[in-house]
Amino acid sequence: MAEILEAAMLVCFGLSWPMNAYKNYRARTAAGTSWQFLGLITVGYLLGVAAKFVAGSITWVLAVYFINLACLSVNWAIYFRNCKLDKAANETRLKA
């Protein structure tokens, strides 16, 4: 039962990442995106994975951690893309 509850928590939390990635991709700006928040969440997931290995509790729930990390990786990629777009827009404004 504990595994089901943990997986449910991860699924509920993890559903936000695709929605966030889509919103940020369409926004085309990193404004309003906190790299510190993304970093803390990334560390949290990695610690959760480490806890599974340390406890020897390598079950199907570990796959949900990796799916969430993959979705979070997409958010990181979009964040860096948007930073690049912001830099280009600022340089264009300075030239004008």
PDB file of N, CA and C in Angstrom:
ATOM      1  N   MET A   1       0.823  -1.199   0.000  1.00  0.00           N
ATOM      2  CA  MET A   1       0.000   0.000   0.000  1.00  0.00           C
ATOM      3  C   MET A   1       0.868   1.265   0.000  1.00  0.00           C
ATOM      4  N   ALA A   2       2.000   1.229   0.719  1.00  0.00           N
ATOM      5  CA  ALA A   2       2.880   2.393   0.775  1.00  0.00           C
ATOM      6  C   ALA A   2       3.408   2.742  -0.613  1.00  0.00           C
ATOM      7  N   GLU A   3       3.722   1.718  -1.417  1.00  0.00           N
ATOM      8  CA  GLU A   3       4.216   1.973  -2.772  1.00  0.00           C
ATOM      9  C   GLU A   3       3.153   2.624  -3.636  1.00  0.00           C
ATOM     10  N   ILE A   4       1.924   2.190  -3.497  1.00  0.00           N
ATOM     11  CA  ILE A   4       0.827   2.769  -4.281  1.00  0.00           C
ATOM     12  C   ILE A   4       0.630   4.230  -3.909  1.00  0.00           C
ATOM     13  N   LEU A   5       0.673   4.532  -2.623  1.00  0.00           N
ATOM     14  CA  LEU A   5       0.511   5.917  -2.179  1.00  0.00           C
ATOM     15  C   LEU A   5       1.676   6.794  -2.652  1.00  0.00           C
ATOM     16  N   GLU A   6       2.897   6.260  -2.571  1.00  0.00           N
ATOM     17  CA  GLU A   6       4.061   7.019  -3.040  1.00  0.00           C
ATOM     18  C   GLU A   6       3.962   7.270  -4.536  1.00  0.00           C
ATOM     19  N   ALA A   7       3.587   6.259  -5.289  1.00  0.00           N
ATOM     20  CA  ALA A   7       3.438   6.412  -6.741  1.00  0.00           C
ATOM     21  C   ALA A   7       2.336   7.408  -7.071  1.00  0.00           C
ATOM     22  N   ALA A   8       1.234   7.369  -6.334  1.00  0.00           N
ATOM     23  CA  ALA A   8       0.138   8.314  -6.564  1.00  0.00           C
ATOM     24  C   ALA A   8       0.602   9.743  -6.315  1.00  0.00           C
ATOM     25  N   MET A   9       1.375   9.946  -5.264  1.00  0.00           N
ATOM     26  CA  MET A   9       1.919  11.278  -4.986  1.00  0.00           C
ATOM     27  C   MET A   9       2.815  11.725  -6.131  1.00  0.00           C
ATOM     28  N   LEU A  10       3.674  10.836  -6.596  1.00  0.00           N
ATOM     29  CA  LEU A  10       4.585  11.181  -7.691  1.00  0.00           C
ATOM     30  C   LEU A  10       3.833  11.472  -8.981  1.00  0.00           C
ATOM     31  N   VAL A  11       2.793  10.706  -9.262  1.00  0.00           N
ATOM     32  CA  VAL A  11       1.990  10.936 -10.472  1.00  0.00           C
ATOM     33  C   VAL A  11       1.281  12.284 -10.380  1.00  0.00           C
ATOM     34  N   CYS A  12       0.664  12.558  -9.251  1.00  0.00           N
ATOM     35  CA  CYS A  12      -0.026  13.842  -9.078  1.00  0.00           C
ATOM     36  C   CYS A  12       0.945  15.012  -9.226  1.00  0.00           C
ATOM     37  N   PHE A  13       2.082  14.894  -8.599  1.00  0.00           N
ATOM     38  CA  PHE A  13       3.078  15.958  -8.679  1.00  0.00           C
ATOM     39  C   PHE A  13       3.664  16.026 -10.077  1.00  0.00           C
ATOM     40  N   GLY A  14       3.917  14.861 -10.661  1.00  0.00           N
ATOM     41  CA  GLY A  14       4.554  14.793 -11.965  1.00  0.00           C
ATOM     42  C   GLY A  14       3.695  15.276 -13.114  1.00  0.00           C
ATOM     43  N   LEU A  15       2.379  15.266 -12.967  1.00  0.00           N
ATOM     44  CA  LEU A  15       1.512  15.749 -14.036  1.00  0.00           C
ATOM     45  C   LEU A  15       1.715  17.235 -14.312  1.00  0.00           C
ATOM     46  N   SER A  16       2.246  17.961 -13.360  1.00  0.00           N
ATOM     47  CA  SER A  16       2.456  19.393 -13.552  1.00  0.00           C
ATOM     48  C   SER A  16       3.602  19.683 -14.524  1.00  0.00           C
ATOM     49  N   TRP A  17       4.553  18.786 -14.655  1.00  0.00           N
ATOM     50  CA  TRP A  17       5.736  19.081 -15.483  1.00  0.00           C
ATOM     51  C   TRP A  17       5.426  19.216 -16.968  1.00  0.00           C
ATOM     52  N   PRO A  18       4.649  18.316 -17.573  1.00  0.00           N
ATOM     53  CA  PRO A  18       4.318  18.534 -18.988  1.00  0.00           C
ATOM     54  C   PRO A  18       3.523  19.820 -19.222  1.00  0.00           C
ATOM     55  N   MET A  19       2.603  20.135 -18.312  1.00  0.00           N
ATOM     56  CA  MET A  19       1.835  21.370 -18.453  1.00  0.00           C
ATOM     57  C   MET A  19       2.744  22.591 -18.330  1.00  0.00           C
ATOM     58  N   ASN A  20       3.675  22.554 -17.382  1.00  0.00           N
ATOM     59  CA  ASN A  20       4.603  23.652 -17.191  1.00  0.00           C
ATOM     60  C   ASN A  20       5.524  23.810 -18.403  1.00  0.00           C
ATOM     61  N   ALA A  21       5.991  22.693 -18.940  1.00  0.00           N
ATOM     62  CA  ALA A  21       6.874  22.746 -20.106  1.00  0.00           C
ATOM     63  C   ALA A  21       6.142  23.370 -21.296  1.00  0.00           C
ATOM     64  N   TYR A  22       4.904  22.960 -21.508  1.00  0.00           N
ATOM     65  CA  TYR A  22       4.123  23.508 -22.618  1.00  0.00           C
ATOM     66  C   TYR A  22       3.920  25.009 -22.460  1.00  0.00           C
ATOM     67  N   LYS A  23       3.564  25.441 -21.268  1.00  0.00           N
ATOM     68  CA  LYS A  23       3.341  26.871 -20.997  1.00  0.00           C
ATOM     69  C   LYS A  23       4.612  27.675 -21.240  1.00  0.00           C
ATOM     70  N   ASN A  24       5.730  27.176 -20.744  1.00  0.00           N
ATOM     71  CA  ASN A  24       6.996  27.893 -20.908  1.00  0.00           C
ATOM     72  C   ASN A  24       7.490  27.868 -22.347  1.00  0.00           C
ATOM     73  N   TYR A  25       7.227  26.769 -23.050  1.00  0.00           N
ATOM     74  CA  TYR A  25       7.623  26.695 -24.454  1.00  0.00           C
ATOM     75  C   TYR A  25       6.878  27.754 -25.260  1.00  0.00           C
ATOM     76  N   ARG A  26       5.592  27.860 -25.016  1.00  0.00           N
ATOM     77  CA  ARG A  26       4.784  28.853 -25.741  1.00  0.00           C
ATOM     78  C   ARG A  26       5.126  30.278 -25.336  1.00  0.00           C
ATOM     79  N   ALA A  27       5.524  30.487 -24.090  1.00  0.00           N
ATOM     80  CA  ALA A  27       5.837  31.835 -23.603  1.00  0.00           C
ATOM     81  C   ALA A  27       7.087  32.391 -24.273  1.00  0.00           C
ATOM     82  N   ARG A  28       8.030  31.514 -24.633  1.00  0.00           N
ATOM     83  CA  ARG A  28       9.282  31.907 -25.291  1.00  0.00           C
ATOM     84  C   ARG A  28      10.107  32.894 -24.465  1.00  0.00           C
ATOM     85  N   THR A  29       9.972  32.831 -23.151  1.00  0.00           N
ATOM     86  CA  THR A  29      10.774  33.655 -22.259  1.00  0.00           C
ATOM     87  C   THR A  29      11.015  32.901 -20.959  1.00  0.00           C
ATOM     88  N   ALA A  30      12.174  33.166 -20.362  1.00  0.00           N
ATOM     89  CA  ALA A  30      12.495  32.547 -19.076  1.00  0.00           C
ATOM     90  C   ALA A  30      11.988  33.395 -17.915  1.00  0.00           C
ATOM     91  N   ALA A  31      11.445  34.562 -18.234  1.00  0.00           N
ATOM     92  CA  ALA A  31      10.907  35.424 -17.181  1.00  0.00           C
ATOM     93  C   ALA A  31       9.803  34.676 -16.443  1.00  0.00           C
ATOM     94  N   GLY A  32       9.874  34.692 -15.137  1.00  0.00           N
ATOM     95  CA  GLY A  32       8.885  34.017 -14.320  1.00  0.00           C
ATOM     96  C   GLY A  32       9.232  32.570 -14.015  1.00  0.00           C
ATOM     97  N   THR A  33      10.312  32.076 -14.617  1.00  0.00           N
ATOM     98  CA  THR A  33      10.762  30.714 -14.343  1.00  0.00           C
ATOM     99  C   THR A  33      11.937  30.780 -13.376  1.00  0.00           C
ATOM    100  N   SER A  34      11.870  30.023 -12.320  1.00  0.00           N
ATOM    101  CA  SER A  34      12.912  30.041 -11.306  1.00  0.00           C
ATOM    102  C   SER A  34      13.827  28.832 -11.463  1.00  0.00           C
ATOM    103  N   TRP A  35      15.086  29.085 -11.832  1.00  0.00           N
ATOM    104  CA  TRP A  35      16.034  27.968 -11.948  1.00  0.00           C
ATOM    105  C   TRP A  35      16.306  27.373 -10.575  1.00  0.00           C
ATOM    106  N   GLN A  36      16.174  28.186  -9.525  1.00  0.00           N
ATOM    107  CA  GLN A  36      16.378  27.666  -8.176  1.00  0.00           C
ATOM    108  C   GLN A  36      15.294  26.633  -7.828  1.00  0.00           C
ATOM    109  N   PHE A  37      14.058  26.913  -8.218  1.00  0.00           N
ATOM    110  CA  PHE A  37      12.962  25.988  -7.980  1.00  0.00           C
ATOM    111  C   PHE A  37      13.188  24.689  -8.749  1.00  0.00           C
ATOM    112  N   LEU A  38      13.525  24.815 -10.032  1.00  0.00           N
ATOM    113  CA  LEU A  38      13.802  23.622 -10.825  1.00  0.00           C
ATOM    114  C   LEU A  38      14.943  22.816 -10.216  1.00  0.00           C
ATOM    115  N   GLY A  39      15.958  23.523  -9.713  1.00  0.00           N
ATOM    116  CA  GLY A  39      17.094  22.844  -9.091  1.00  0.00           C
ATOM    117  C   GLY A  39      16.714  22.092  -7.832  1.00  0.00           C
ATOM    118  N   LEU A  40      15.921  22.724  -6.993  1.00  0.00           N
ATOM    119  CA  LEU A  40      15.489  22.054  -5.756  1.00  0.00           C
ATOM    120  C   LEU A  40      14.629  20.829  -6.044  1.00  0.00           C
ATOM    121  N   ILE A  41      13.754  20.946  -7.012  1.00  0.00           N
ATOM    122  CA  ILE A  41      12.914  19.806  -7.374  1.00  0.00           C
ATOM    123  C   ILE A  41      13.780  18.679  -7.935  1.00  0.00           C
ATOM    124  N   THR A  42      14.747  19.025  -8.761  1.00  0.00           N
ATOM    125  CA  THR A  42      15.654  18.021  -9.324  1.00  0.00           C
ATOM    126  C   THR A  42      16.411  17.298  -8.220  1.00  0.00           C
ATOM    127  N   VAL A  43      16.953  18.062  -7.284  1.00  0.00           N
ATOM    128  CA  VAL A  43      17.671  17.456  -6.159  1.00  0.00           C
ATOM    129  C   VAL A  43      16.732  16.565  -5.353  1.00  0.00           C
ATOM    130  N   GLY A  44      15.508  17.016  -5.146  1.00  0.00           N
ATOM    131  CA  GLY A  44      14.528  16.222  -4.404  1.00  0.00           C
ATOM    132  C   GLY A  44      14.255  14.877  -5.062  1.00  0.00           C
ATOM    133  N   TYR A  45      14.059  14.890  -6.380  1.00  0.00           N
ATOM    134  CA  TYR A  45      13.833  13.629  -7.093  1.00  0.00           C
ATOM    135  C   TYR A  45      15.068  12.730  -7.009  1.00  0.00           C
ATOM    136  N   LEU A  46      16.245  13.310  -7.187  1.00  0.00           N
ATOM    137  CA  LEU A  46      17.476  12.508  -7.111  1.00  0.00           C
ATOM    138  C   LEU A  46      17.664  11.903  -5.726  1.00  0.00           C
ATOM    139  N   LEU A  47      17.312  12.661  -4.685  1.00  0.00           N
ATOM    140  CA  LEU A  47      17.388  12.116  -3.328  1.00  0.00           C
ATOM    141  C   LEU A  47      16.361  11.001  -3.128  1.00  0.00           C
ATOM    142  N   GLY A  48      15.194  11.139  -3.725  1.00  0.00           N
ATOM    143  CA  GLY A  48      14.189  10.080  -3.656  1.00  0.00           C
ATOM    144  C   GLY A  48      14.685   8.807  -4.324  1.00  0.00           C
ATOM    145  N   VAL A  49      15.335   8.949  -5.475  1.00  0.00           N
ATOM    146  CA  VAL A  49      15.918   7.794  -6.171  1.00  0.00           C
ATOM    147  C   VAL A  49      17.016   7.176  -5.311  1.00  0.00           C
ATOM    148  N   ALA A  50      17.877   8.028  -4.745  1.00  0.00           N
ATOM    149  CA  ALA A  50      18.958   7.523  -3.891  1.00  0.00           C
ATOM    150  C   ALA A  50      18.391   6.776  -2.688  1.00  0.00           C
ATOM    151  N   ALA A  51      17.322   7.300  -2.110  1.00  0.00           N
ATOM    152  CA  ALA A  51      16.699   6.648  -0.953  1.00  0.00           C
ATOM    153  C   ALA A  51      16.206   5.252  -1.319  1.00  0.00           C
ATOM    154  N   LYS A  52      15.660   5.119  -2.524  1.00  0.00           N
ATOM    155  CA  LYS A  52      15.187   3.806  -2.969  1.00  0.00           C
ATOM    156  C   LYS A  52      16.348   2.808  -3.033  1.00  0.00           C
ATOM    157  N   PHE A  53      17.482   3.259  -3.576  1.00  0.00           N
ATOM    158  CA  PHE A  53      18.642   2.376  -3.681  1.00  0.00           C
ATOM    159  C   PHE A  53      19.240   2.054  -2.316  1.00  0.00           C
ATOM    160  N   VAL A  54      19.363   3.059  -1.464  1.00  0.00           N
ATOM    161  CA  VAL A  54      19.935   2.851  -0.128  1.00  0.00           C
ATOM    162  C   VAL A  54      19.074   1.891   0.691  1.00  0.00           C
ATOM    163  N   ALA A  55      17.758   2.041   0.572  1.00  0.00           N
ATOM    164  CA  ALA A  55      16.846   1.188   1.326  1.00  0.00           C
ATOM    165  C   ALA A  55      16.680  -0.195   0.688  1.00  0.00           C
ATOM    166  N   GLY A  56      17.224  -0.357  -0.516  1.00  0.00           N
ATOM    167  CA  GLY A  56      17.061  -1.622  -1.210  1.00  0.00           C
ATOM    168  C   GLY A  56      15.631  -1.839  -1.669  1.00  0.00           C
ATOM    169  N   SER A  57      14.908  -0.751  -1.846  1.00  0.00           N
ATOM    170  CA  SER A  57      13.497  -0.809  -2.216  1.00  0.00           C
ATOM    171  C   SER A  57      13.338  -0.486  -3.700  1.00  0.00           C
ATOM    172  N   ILE A  58      13.997  -1.268  -4.515  1.00  0.00           N
ATOM    173  CA  ILE A  58      13.959  -1.030  -5.949  1.00  0.00           C
ATOM    174  C   ILE A  58      12.738  -1.759  -6.520  1.00  0.00           C
ATOM    175  N   THR A  59      11.667  -0.987  -6.682  1.00  0.00           N
ATOM    176  CA  THR A  59      10.401  -1.534  -7.172  1.00  0.00           C
ATOM    177  C   THR A  59       9.951  -0.712  -8.374  1.00  0.00           C
ATOM    178  N   TRP A  60       8.768  -0.986  -8.841  1.00  0.00           N
ATOM    179  CA  TRP A  60       8.201  -0.282  -9.982  1.00  0.00           C
ATOM    180  C   TRP A  60       8.025   1.212  -9.723  1.00  0.00           C
ATOM    181  N   VAL A  61       7.970   1.612  -8.463  1.00  0.00           N
ATOM    182  CA  VAL A  61       7.812   3.030  -8.125  1.00  0.00           C
ATOM    183  C   VAL A  61       9.025   3.833  -8.603  1.00  0.00           C
ATOM    184  N   LEU A  62      10.180   3.194  -8.644  1.00  0.00           N
ATOM    185  CA  LEU A  62      11.390   3.858  -9.114  1.00  0.00           C
ATOM    186  C   LEU A  62      11.211   4.362 -10.550  1.00  0.00           C
ATOM    187  N   ALA A  63      10.452   3.623 -11.350  1.00  0.00           N
ATOM    188  CA  ALA A  63      10.189   4.041 -12.727  1.00  0.00           C
ATOM    189  C   ALA A  63       9.447   5.374 -12.753  1.00  0.00           C
ATOM    190  N   VAL A  64       8.558   5.599 -11.803  1.00  0.00           N
ATOM    191  CA  VAL A  64       7.810   6.857 -11.757  1.00  0.00           C
ATOM    192  C   VAL A  64       8.755   8.017 -11.447  1.00  0.00           C
ATOM    193  N   TYR A  65       9.731   7.790 -10.576  1.00  0.00           N
ATOM    194  CA  TYR A  65      10.744   8.818 -10.316  1.00  0.00           C
ATOM    195  C   TYR A  65      11.472   9.181 -11.613  1.00  0.00           C
ATOM    196  N   PHE A  66      11.866   8.158 -12.381  1.00  0.00           N
ATOM    197  CA  PHE A  66      12.606   8.412 -13.615  1.00  0.00           C
ATOM    198  C   PHE A  66      11.743   9.104 -14.670  1.00  0.00           C
ATOM    199  N   ILE A  67      10.469   8.776 -14.731  1.00  0.00           N
ATOM    200  CA  ILE A  67       9.568   9.471 -15.658  1.00  0.00           C
ATOM    201  C   ILE A  67       9.472  10.948 -15.279  1.00  0.00           C
ATOM    202  N   ASN A  68       9.335  11.223 -13.981  1.00  0.00           N
ATOM    203  CA  ASN A  68       9.274  12.615 -13.527  1.00  0.00           C
ATOM    204  C   ASN A  68      10.583  13.342 -13.818  1.00  0.00           C
ATOM    205  N   LEU A  69      11.713  12.668 -13.613  1.00  0.00           N
ATOM    206  CA  LEU A  69      13.002  13.290 -13.927  1.00  0.00           C
ATOM    207  C   LEU A  69      13.123  13.585 -15.418  1.00  0.00           C
ATOM    208  N   ALA A  70      12.605  12.703 -16.262  1.00  0.00           N
ATOM    209  CA  ALA A  70      12.630  12.949 -17.706  1.00  0.00           C
ATOM    210  C   ALA A  70      11.793  14.177 -18.057  1.00  0.00           C
ATOM    211  N   CYS A  71      10.610  14.279 -17.467  1.00  0.00           N
ATOM    212  CA  CYS A  71       9.760  15.454 -17.702  1.00  0.00           C
ATOM    213  C   CYS A  71      10.435  16.722 -17.185  1.00  0.00           C
ATOM    214  N   LEU A  72      11.078  16.626 -16.065  1.00  0.00           N
ATOM    215  CA  LEU A  72      11.789  17.769 -15.501  1.00  0.00           C
ATOM    216  C   LEU A  72      12.962  18.165 -16.391  1.00  0.00           C
ATOM    217  N   SER A  73      13.600  17.192 -17.007  1.00  0.00           N
ATOM    218  CA  SER A  73      14.699  17.482 -17.933  1.00  0.00           C
ATOM    219  C   SER A  73      14.212  18.303 -19.122  1.00  0.00           C
ATOM    220  N   VAL A  74      13.020  18.003 -19.599  1.00  0.00           N
ATOM    221  CA  VAL A  74      12.429  18.792 -20.683  1.00  0.00           C
ATOM    222  C   VAL A  74      12.233  20.233 -20.220  1.00  0.00           C
ATOM    223  N   ASN A  75      11.791  20.417 -18.984  1.00  0.00           N
ATOM    224  CA  ASN A  75      11.624  21.770 -18.442  1.00  0.00           C
ATOM    225  C   ASN A  75      12.951  22.505 -18.377  1.00  0.00           C
ATOM    226  N   TRP A  76      14.016  21.812 -17.974  1.00  0.00           N
ATOM    227  CA  TRP A  76      15.342  22.434 -17.961  1.00  0.00           C
ATOM    228  C   TRP A  76      15.757  22.854 -19.371  1.00  0.00           C
ATOM    229  N   ALA A  77      15.541  21.984 -20.355  1.00  0.00           N
ATOM    230  CA  ALA A  77      15.907  22.307 -21.740  1.00  0.00           C
ATOM    231  C   ALA A  77      15.146  23.534 -22.232  1.00  0.00           C
ATOM    232  N   ILE A  78      13.866  23.603 -21.933  1.00  0.00           N
ATOM    233  CA  ILE A  78      13.062  24.756 -22.345  1.00  0.00           C
ATOM    234  C   ILE A  78      13.516  26.007 -21.614  1.00  0.00           C
ATOM    235  N   TYR A  79      13.879  25.876 -20.349  1.00  0.00           N
ATOM    236  CA  TYR A  79      14.371  27.032 -19.600  1.00  0.00           C
ATOM    237  C   TYR A  79      15.623  27.614 -20.274  1.00  0.00           C
ATOM    238  N   PHE A  80      16.584  26.748 -20.624  1.00  0.00           N
ATOM    239  CA  PHE A  80      17.812  27.234 -21.260  1.00  0.00           C
ATOM    240  C   PHE A  80      17.550  27.782 -22.657  1.00  0.00           C
ATOM    241  N   ARG A  81      16.622  27.170 -23.379  1.00  0.00           N
ATOM    242  CA  ARG A  81      16.220  27.704 -24.684  1.00  0.00           C
ATOM    243  C   ARG A  81      15.650  29.099 -24.520  1.00  0.00           C
ATOM    244  N   ASN A  82      14.749  29.259 -23.534  1.00  0.00           N
ATOM    245  CA  ASN A  82      14.124  30.555 -23.317  1.00  0.00           C
ATOM    246  C   ASN A  82      15.132  31.605 -22.858  1.00  0.00           C
ATOM    247  N   CYS A  83      16.116  31.201 -22.069  1.00  0.00           N
ATOM    248  CA  CYS A  83      17.183  32.141 -21.683  1.00  0.00           C
ATOM    249  C   CYS A  83      17.919  32.633 -22.920  1.00  0.00           C
ATOM    250  N   LYS A  84      18.186  31.716 -23.840  1.00  0.00           N
ATOM    251  CA  LYS A  84      18.870  32.086 -25.084  1.00  0.00           C
ATOM    252  C   LYS A  84      18.005  33.042 -25.905  1.00  0.00           C
ATOM    253  N   LEU A  85      16.703  32.772 -25.982  1.00  0.00           N
ATOM    254  CA  LEU A  85      15.795  33.659 -26.703  1.00  0.00           C
ATOM    255  C   LEU A  85      15.731  35.037 -26.047  1.00  0.00           C
ATOM    256  N   ASP A  86      15.726  35.075 -24.711  1.00  0.00           N
ATOM    257  CA  ASP A  86      15.716  36.359 -23.998  1.00  0.00           C
ATOM    258  C   ASP A  86      16.984  37.153 -24.295  1.00  0.00           C
ATOM    259  N   LYS A  87      18.110  36.470 -24.312  1.00  0.00           N
ATOM    260  CA  LYS A  87      19.395  37.142 -24.573  1.00  0.00           C
ATOM    261  C   LYS A  87      19.390  37.729 -25.991  1.00  0.00           C
ATOM    262  N   ALA A  88      18.919  36.960 -26.955  1.00  0.00           N
ATOM    263  CA  ALA A  88      18.859  37.432 -28.327  1.00  0.00           C
ATOM    264  C   ALA A  88      17.920  38.633 -28.456  1.00  0.00           C
ATOM    265  N   ALA A  89      16.783  38.579 -27.773  1.00  0.00           N
ATOM    266  CA  ALA A  89      15.827  39.702 -27.833  1.00  0.00           C
ATOM    267  C   ALA A  89      16.433  40.947 -27.203  1.00  0.00           C
ATOM    268  N   ASN A  90      17.170  40.793 -26.113  1.00  0.00           N
ATOM    269  CA  ASN A  90      17.810  41.952 -25.465  1.00  0.00           C
ATOM    270  C   ASN A  90      18.883  42.552 -26.352  1.00  0.00           C
ATOM    271  N   GLU A  91      19.648  41.698 -27.027  1.00  0.00           N
ATOM    272  CA  GLU A  91      20.686  42.209 -27.928  1.00  0.00           C
ATOM    273  C   GLU A  91      20.057  42.954 -29.102  1.00  0.00           C
ATOM    274  N   THR A  92      18.944  42.463 -29.613  1.00  0.00           N
ATOM    275  CA  THR A  92      18.237  43.126 -30.702  1.00  0.00           C
ATOM    276  C   THR A  92      17.729  44.488 -30.254  1.00  0.00           C
ATOM    277  N   ARG A  93      17.194  44.560 -29.035  1.00  0.00           N
ATOM    278  CA  ARG A  93      16.703  45.835 -28.498  1.00  0.00           C
ATOM    279  C   ARG A  93      17.842  46.835 -28.321  1.00  0.00           C
ATOM    280  N   LEU A  94      19.006  46.354 -27.892  1.00  0.00           N
ATOM    281  CA  LEU A  94      20.140  47.259 -27.693  1.00  0.00           C
ATOM    282  C   LEU A  94      20.668  47.803 -29.012  1.00  0.00           C
ATOM    283  N   LYS A  95      20.587  47.014 -30.072  1.00  0.00           N
ATOM    284  CA  LYS A  95      21.042  47.467 -31.377  1.00  0.00           C
ATOM    285  C   LYS A  95      20.104  48.491 -31.982  1.00  0.00           C
ATOM    286  N   ALA A  96      18.841  48.428 -31.617  1.00  0.00           N
ATOM    287  CA  ALA A  96      17.832  49.324 -32.217  1.00  0.00           C
ATOM    288  C   ALA A  96      17.852  50.694 -31.636  1.00  0.00           C
TER     289      ALA A  96
END
